[in-house]
Amino acid sequence: MKSSFWPEAGVRARLVVAAALCVASRSSQACSAQSAYLTVDGDVQTKIALSEADFKALPRSSMTAKEESGKDQHFEGVDLALVLISAGIPLKTDLKGANVAKYLHAEGTDACAAVFSLREFDQQAFLIADTLEGAPFSAANGPLQMISPNESRHSRSVSTLRFSGLRPRRSSLEATNGGE
């Protein structure tokens, strides 16, 4: 990826401003959770609903990942860590205590979903991509995709990404009886 994992202070400030603008304008159609280009909610400090323009104004990153056949694919978009940090989600050295048990739930409009432990950000980067080989994704595969480049089968790469939410780990009792 071109950008470093931890954004510089100026980049962090732009992310916080973009998130604050979106949060402040939530009543507007352009940034409502229903019409947002990307939302981050759940157990976060700041819920975010980014419009397409807000998303495209964020610092850009690129990533190369191999498809299952071994061919390199070049993606561009926004570093997922930057978006999570702007929502107040602790990562890397800030990830402590009860937050270690939380996970990111990413879901596509096709009902495909993937789960990411916040501890995974210690070892790797993830991308919210909006282009492949310099072109936007097709309507069937986009407009956004969550790219997990270090997985040979891409089992956690989510096409038609529409939602990312932070969830607390469920207790074993909740997991076995549906939380009732």
C-alpha atoms as a PDB file:
ATOM      1  CA  MET A   1       0.000   0.000   0.000  1.00  0.00           C
ATOM      2  CA  LYS A   2       1.214   3.488  -0.742  1.00  0.00           C
ATOM      3  CA  SER A   3       0.000   5.044   2.503  1.00  0.00           C
ATOM      4  CA  SER A   4       1.480   4.139   5.850  1.00  0.00           C
ATOM      5  CA  PHE A   5      -0.652   2.207   8.292  1.00  0.00           C
ATOM      6  CA  TRP A   6      -0.912   5.075  10.770  1.00  0.00           C
ATOM      7  CA  PRO A   7      -1.922   8.338   9.179  1.00  0.00           C
ATOM      8  CA  GLU A   8       0.019  11.525   9.742  1.00  0.00           C
ATOM      9  CA  ALA A   9      -1.600  14.121  11.990  1.00  0.00           C
ATOM     10  CA  GLY A  10      -2.860  16.151   9.003  1.00  0.00           C
ATOM     11  CA  VAL A  11      -4.471  13.095   7.423  1.00  0.00           C
ATOM     12  CA  ARG A  12      -6.087  12.135  10.729  1.00  0.00           C
ATOM     13  CA  ALA A  13      -7.452  15.662  11.018  1.00  0.00           C
ATOM     14  CA  ARG A  14      -8.957  15.497   7.490  1.00  0.00           C
ATOM     15  CA  LEU A  15     -10.550  12.157   8.328  1.00  0.00           C
ATOM     16  CA  VAL A  16     -12.059  13.509  11.531  1.00  0.00           C
ATOM     17  CA  VAL A  17     -13.340  16.579   9.667  1.00  0.00           C
ATOM     18  CA  ALA A  18     -14.881  14.403   6.925  1.00  0.00           C
ATOM     19  CA  ALA A  19     -16.509  12.201   9.553  1.00  0.00           C
ATOM     20  CA  ALA A  20     -17.732  15.219  11.515  1.00  0.00           C
ATOM     21  CA  LEU A  21     -19.217  16.806   8.394  1.00  0.00           C
ATOM     22  CA  CYS A  22     -21.007  13.610   7.587  1.00  0.00           C
ATOM     23  CA  VAL A  23     -22.265  13.171  11.131  1.00  0.00           C
ATOM     24  CA  ALA A  24     -23.387  16.819  11.240  1.00  0.00           C
ATOM     25  CA  SER A  25     -25.261  16.444   7.965  1.00  0.00           C
ATOM     26  CA  ARG A  26     -26.942  13.137   8.783  1.00  0.00           C
ATOM     27  CA  SER A  27     -30.335  14.702   8.376  1.00  0.00           C
ATOM     28  CA  SER A  28     -29.519  15.459   4.739  1.00  0.00           C
ATOM     29  CA  GLN A  29     -30.344  12.954   2.020  1.00  0.00           C
ATOM     30  CA  ALA A  30     -26.735  12.962   0.757  1.00  0.00           C
ATOM     31  CA  CYS A  31     -25.279  11.519   3.931  1.00  0.00           C
ATOM     32  CA  SER A  32     -28.060   9.514   5.516  1.00  0.00           C
ATOM     33  CA  ALA A  33     -27.266   5.934   6.486  1.00  0.00           C
ATOM     34  CA  GLN A  34     -29.842   4.697   3.971  1.00  0.00           C
ATOM     35  CA  SER A  35     -28.235   6.473   1.009  1.00  0.00           C
ATOM     36  CA  ALA A  36     -24.624   6.540   2.181  1.00  0.00           C
ATOM     37  CA  TYR A  37     -21.856   5.229  -0.006  1.00  0.00           C
ATOM     38  CA  LEU A  38     -20.255   3.648   3.074  1.00  0.00           C
ATOM     39  CA  THR A  39     -21.392   3.479   6.700  1.00  0.00           C
ATOM     40  CA  VAL A  40     -19.486   2.511   9.827  1.00  0.00           C
ATOM     41  CA  ASP A  41     -21.619   1.974  12.898  1.00  0.00           C
ATOM     42  CA  GLY A  42     -22.167  -0.419  15.757  1.00  0.00           C
ATOM     43  CA  ASP A  43     -20.019  -0.176  18.876  1.00  0.00           C
ATOM     44  CA  VAL A  44     -18.050   2.887  17.688  1.00  0.00           C
ATOM     45  CA  GLN A  45     -17.373   6.320  19.180  1.00  0.00           C
ATOM     46  CA  THR A  46     -18.524   8.139  16.039  1.00  0.00           C
ATOM     47  CA  LYS A  47     -20.967   6.620  13.581  1.00  0.00           C
ATOM     48  CA  ILE A  48     -20.023   7.506  10.006  1.00  0.00           C
ATOM     49  CA  ALA A  49     -22.115   7.672   6.843  1.00  0.00           C
ATOM     50  CA  LEU A  50     -19.894   8.795   3.975  1.00  0.00           C
ATOM     51  CA  SER A  51     -21.257  10.041   0.675  1.00  0.00           C
ATOM     52  CA  GLU A  52     -19.418   9.056  -2.498  1.00  0.00           C
ATOM     53  CA  ALA A  53     -17.805  12.523  -2.629  1.00  0.00           C
ATOM     54  CA  ASP A  54     -16.665  12.231   1.023  1.00  0.00           C
ATOM     55  CA  PHE A  55     -15.182   8.786   0.332  1.00  0.00           C
ATOM     56  CA  LYS A  56     -13.346   9.962  -2.794  1.00  0.00           C
ATOM     57  CA  ALA A  57     -11.913  12.954  -0.874  1.00  0.00           C
ATOM     58  CA  LEU A  58     -10.154  10.667   1.642  1.00  0.00           C
ATOM     59  CA  PRO A  59      -6.444   9.878   1.163  1.00  0.00           C
ATOM     60  CA  ARG A  60      -6.008   7.228  -1.540  1.00  0.00           C
ATOM     61  CA  SER A  61      -4.108   3.958  -1.205  1.00  0.00           C
ATOM     62  CA  SER A  62      -3.339   1.162  -3.616  1.00  0.00           C
ATOM     63  CA  MET A  63      -2.825  -2.538  -3.140  1.00  0.00           C
ATOM     64  CA  THR A  64      -1.907  -5.480  -5.317  1.00  0.00           C
ATOM     65  CA  ALA A  65      -3.514  -8.834  -4.598  1.00  0.00           C
ATOM     66  CA  LYS A  66      -3.335 -12.112  -6.451  1.00  0.00           C
ATOM     67  CA  GLU A  67      -6.527 -13.618  -7.776  1.00  0.00           C
ATOM     68  CA  GLU A  68      -7.029 -17.371  -7.328  1.00  0.00           C
ATOM     69  CA  SER A  69      -5.315 -18.089 -10.664  1.00  0.00           C
ATOM     70  CA  GLY A  70      -2.204 -16.243  -9.433  1.00  0.00           C
ATOM     71  CA  LYS A  71      -2.628 -13.160 -11.632  1.00  0.00           C
ATOM     72  CA  ASP A  72      -1.880  -9.820  -9.947  1.00  0.00           C
ATOM     73  CA  GLN A  73      -4.787  -7.403  -9.580  1.00  0.00           C
ATOM     74  CA  HIS A  74      -4.224  -3.721  -8.771  1.00  0.00           C
ATOM     75  CA  PHE A  75      -6.853  -2.089  -6.531  1.00  0.00           C
ATOM     76  CA  GLU A  76      -7.202   1.536  -5.436  1.00  0.00           C
ATOM     77  CA  GLY A  77      -9.337   2.991  -2.686  1.00  0.00           C
ATOM     78  CA  VAL A  78      -9.069   3.970   0.963  1.00  0.00           C
ATOM     79  CA  ASP A  79      -7.117   2.217   3.714  1.00  0.00           C
ATOM     80  CA  LEU A  80      -9.725   0.594   5.966  1.00  0.00           C
ATOM     81  CA  ALA A  81      -7.691   1.499   9.057  1.00  0.00           C
ATOM     82  CA  LEU A  82      -8.074   5.216   8.248  1.00  0.00           C
ATOM     83  CA  VAL A  83     -11.860   4.897   8.156  1.00  0.00           C
ATOM     84  CA  LEU A  84     -11.944   2.874  11.381  1.00  0.00           C
ATOM     85  CA  ILE A  85      -9.690   5.347  13.202  1.00  0.00           C
ATOM     86  CA  SER A  86     -11.978   8.210  12.145  1.00  0.00           C
ATOM     87  CA  ALA A  87     -14.872   6.311  13.756  1.00  0.00           C
ATOM     88  CA  GLY A  88     -12.876   6.151  17.004  1.00  0.00           C
ATOM     89  CA  ILE A  89     -12.078   2.447  16.724  1.00  0.00           C
ATOM     90  CA  PRO A  90      -8.835   1.644  18.548  1.00  0.00           C
ATOM     91  CA  LEU A  91      -6.222  -0.197  16.503  1.00  0.00           C
ATOM     92  CA  LYS A  92      -2.674  -1.434  17.005  1.00  0.00           C
ATOM     93  CA  THR A  93      -1.139  -0.044  20.247  1.00  0.00           C
ATOM     94  CA  ASP A  94      -4.440   1.644  21.187  1.00  0.00           C
ATOM     95  CA  LEU A  95      -6.268  -1.705  21.133  1.00  0.00           C
ATOM     96  CA  LYS A  96      -6.548  -2.796  24.776  1.00  0.00           C
ATOM     97  CA  GLY A  97      -8.892  -4.346  27.310  1.00  0.00           C
ATOM     98  CA  ALA A  98     -12.424  -5.212  26.255  1.00  0.00           C
ATOM     99  CA  ASN A  99     -11.833  -3.727  22.785  1.00  0.00           C
ATOM    100  CA  VAL A 100      -9.565  -6.680  21.908  1.00  0.00           C
ATOM    101  CA  ALA A 101     -12.630  -8.939  21.763  1.00  0.00           C
ATOM    102  CA  LYS A 102     -14.485  -6.715  19.267  1.00  0.00           C
ATOM    103  CA  TYR A 103     -14.626  -7.495  15.577  1.00  0.00           C
ATOM    104  CA  LEU A 104     -15.438  -5.757  12.321  1.00  0.00           C
ATOM    105  CA  HIS A 105     -18.427  -7.116  10.398  1.00  0.00           C
ATOM    106  CA  ALA A 106     -18.327  -6.179   6.705  1.00  0.00           C
ATOM    107  CA  GLU A 107     -21.381  -6.924   4.583  1.00  0.00           C
ATOM    108  CA  GLY A 108     -22.196  -6.616   0.888  1.00  0.00           C
ATOM    109  CA  THR A 109     -25.546  -5.960  -0.749  1.00  0.00           C
ATOM    110  CA  ASP A 110     -25.435  -9.561  -1.983  1.00  0.00           C
ATOM    111  CA  ALA A 111     -25.584 -10.716   1.697  1.00  0.00           C
ATOM    112  CA  CYS A 112     -21.945 -11.868   1.559  1.00  0.00           C
ATOM    113  CA  ALA A 113     -20.273 -10.991   4.852  1.00  0.00           C
ATOM    114  CA  ALA A 114     -16.858 -11.282   6.449  1.00  0.00           C
ATOM    115  CA  VAL A 115     -15.512 -10.835   9.962  1.00  0.00           C
ATOM    116  CA  PHE A 116     -12.177  -9.233  10.840  1.00  0.00           C
ATOM    117  CA  SER A 117     -10.557  -9.213  14.276  1.00  0.00           C
ATOM    118  CA  LEU A 118      -9.209  -5.793  15.200  1.00  0.00           C
ATOM    119  CA  ARG A 119      -5.957  -7.516  16.194  1.00  0.00           C
ATOM    120  CA  GLU A 120      -5.413  -8.419  12.525  1.00  0.00           C
ATOM    121  CA  PHE A 121      -4.535  -4.771  11.854  1.00  0.00           C
ATOM    122  CA  ASP A 122      -1.287  -5.378  13.794  1.00  0.00           C
ATOM    123  CA  GLN A 123      -0.034  -7.599  10.965  1.00  0.00           C
ATOM    124  CA  GLN A 124      -1.778  -6.556   7.763  1.00  0.00           C
ATOM    125  CA  ALA A 125      -3.674  -3.866   5.906  1.00  0.00           C
ATOM    126  CA  PHE A 126      -7.092  -3.989   4.278  1.00  0.00           C
ATOM    127  CA  LEU A 127      -8.462  -1.778   1.540  1.00  0.00           C
ATOM    128  CA  ILE A 128     -11.906  -0.431   0.754  1.00  0.00           C
ATOM    129  CA  ALA A 129     -11.444  -0.418  -3.002  1.00  0.00           C
ATOM    130  CA  ASP A 130     -13.441   1.500  -5.578  1.00  0.00           C
ATOM    131  CA  THR A 131     -11.320   0.660  -8.633  1.00  0.00           C
ATOM    132  CA  LEU A 132      -9.699  -2.405 -10.166  1.00  0.00           C
ATOM    133  CA  GLU A 133      -6.951  -1.839 -12.751  1.00  0.00           C
ATOM    134  CA  GLY A 134      -7.860   1.877 -12.788  1.00  0.00           C
ATOM    135  CA  ALA A 135     -11.542   1.376 -13.636  1.00  0.00           C
ATOM    136  CA  PRO A 136     -14.587   1.480 -11.341  1.00  0.00           C
ATOM    137  CA  PHE A 137     -16.142  -1.856 -10.430  1.00  0.00           C
ATOM    138  CA  SER A 138     -19.107  -3.049 -12.455  1.00  0.00           C
ATOM    139  CA  ALA A 139     -22.550  -2.540 -10.949  1.00  0.00           C
ATOM    140  CA  ALA A 140     -22.645  -6.252 -10.104  1.00  0.00           C
ATOM    141  CA  ASN A 141     -19.365  -6.084  -8.136  1.00  0.00           C
ATOM    142  CA  GLY A 142     -19.294  -2.554  -6.751  1.00  0.00           C
ATOM    143  CA  PRO A 143     -19.213   0.278  -6.127  1.00  0.00           C
ATOM    144  CA  LEU A 144     -16.955  -0.756  -3.222  1.00  0.00           C
ATOM    145  CA  GLN A 145     -15.120  -3.936  -2.311  1.00  0.00           C
ATOM    146  CA  MET A 146     -13.329  -4.912   0.884  1.00  0.00           C
ATOM    147  CA  ILE A 147      -9.957  -6.339  -0.135  1.00  0.00           C
ATOM    148  CA  SER A 148      -8.083  -8.745   2.122  1.00  0.00           C
ATOM    149  CA  PRO A 149      -4.911  -9.271   0.060  1.00  0.00           C
ATOM    150  CA  ASN A 150      -3.070 -11.878   2.110  1.00  0.00           C
ATOM    151  CA  GLU A 151      -5.647 -14.606   1.604  1.00  0.00           C
ATOM    152  CA  SER A 152      -5.091 -16.871  -1.376  1.00  0.00           C
ATOM    153  CA  ARG A 153      -8.807 -17.729  -1.762  1.00  0.00           C
ATOM    154  CA  HIS A 154     -10.071 -14.193  -1.024  1.00  0.00           C
ATOM    155  CA  SER A 155     -12.743 -15.722   1.171  1.00  0.00           C
ATOM    156  CA  ARG A 156     -13.080 -12.491   3.150  1.00  0.00           C
ATOM    157  CA  SER A 157     -13.021 -10.057   0.243  1.00  0.00           C
ATOM    158  CA  VAL A 158     -16.536  -8.589   0.176  1.00  0.00           C
ATOM    159  CA  SER A 159     -18.001  -7.376  -3.139  1.00  0.00           C
ATOM    160  CA  THR A 160     -20.760  -4.758  -3.309  1.00  0.00           C
ATOM    161  CA  LEU A 161     -19.700  -3.499   0.142  1.00  0.00           C
ATOM    162  CA  ARG A 162     -22.419  -1.456   1.807  1.00  0.00           C
ATOM    163  CA  PHE A 163     -21.792  -1.677   5.532  1.00  0.00           C
ATOM    164  CA  SER A 164     -19.048  -2.078   8.068  1.00  0.00           C
ATOM    165  CA  GLY A 165     -19.922  -2.315  11.731  1.00  0.00           C
ATOM    166  CA  LEU A 166     -17.994  -2.927  14.916  1.00  0.00           C
ATOM    167  CA  ARG A 167     -19.503  -5.536  17.181  1.00  0.00           C
ATOM    168  CA  PRO A 168     -18.621  -6.738  20.665  1.00  0.00           C
ATOM    169  CA  ARG A 169     -17.722 -10.407  20.948  1.00  0.00           C
ATOM    170  CA  ARG A 170     -20.787 -12.441  21.871  1.00  0.00           C
ATOM    171  CA  SER A 171     -20.615 -14.675  24.914  1.00  0.00           C
ATOM    172  CA  SER A 172     -20.743 -18.420  24.348  1.00  0.00           C
ATOM    173  CA  LEU A 173     -24.250 -18.465  25.849  1.00  0.00           C
ATOM    174  CA  GLU A 174     -25.469 -15.886  23.334  1.00  0.00           C
ATOM    175  CA  ALA A 175     -23.783 -17.727  20.493  1.00  0.00           C
ATOM    176  CA  THR A 176     -25.509 -21.013  21.313  1.00  0.00           C
ATOM    177  CA  ASN A 177     -29.031 -19.762  21.952  1.00  0.00           C
ATOM    178  CA  GLY A 178     -29.257 -16.722  19.692  1.00  0.00           C
ATOM    179  CA  GLY A 179     -28.917 -14.249  22.558  1.00  0.00           C
ATOM    180  CA  GLU A 180     -32.255 -15.053  24.167  1.00  0.00           C
END
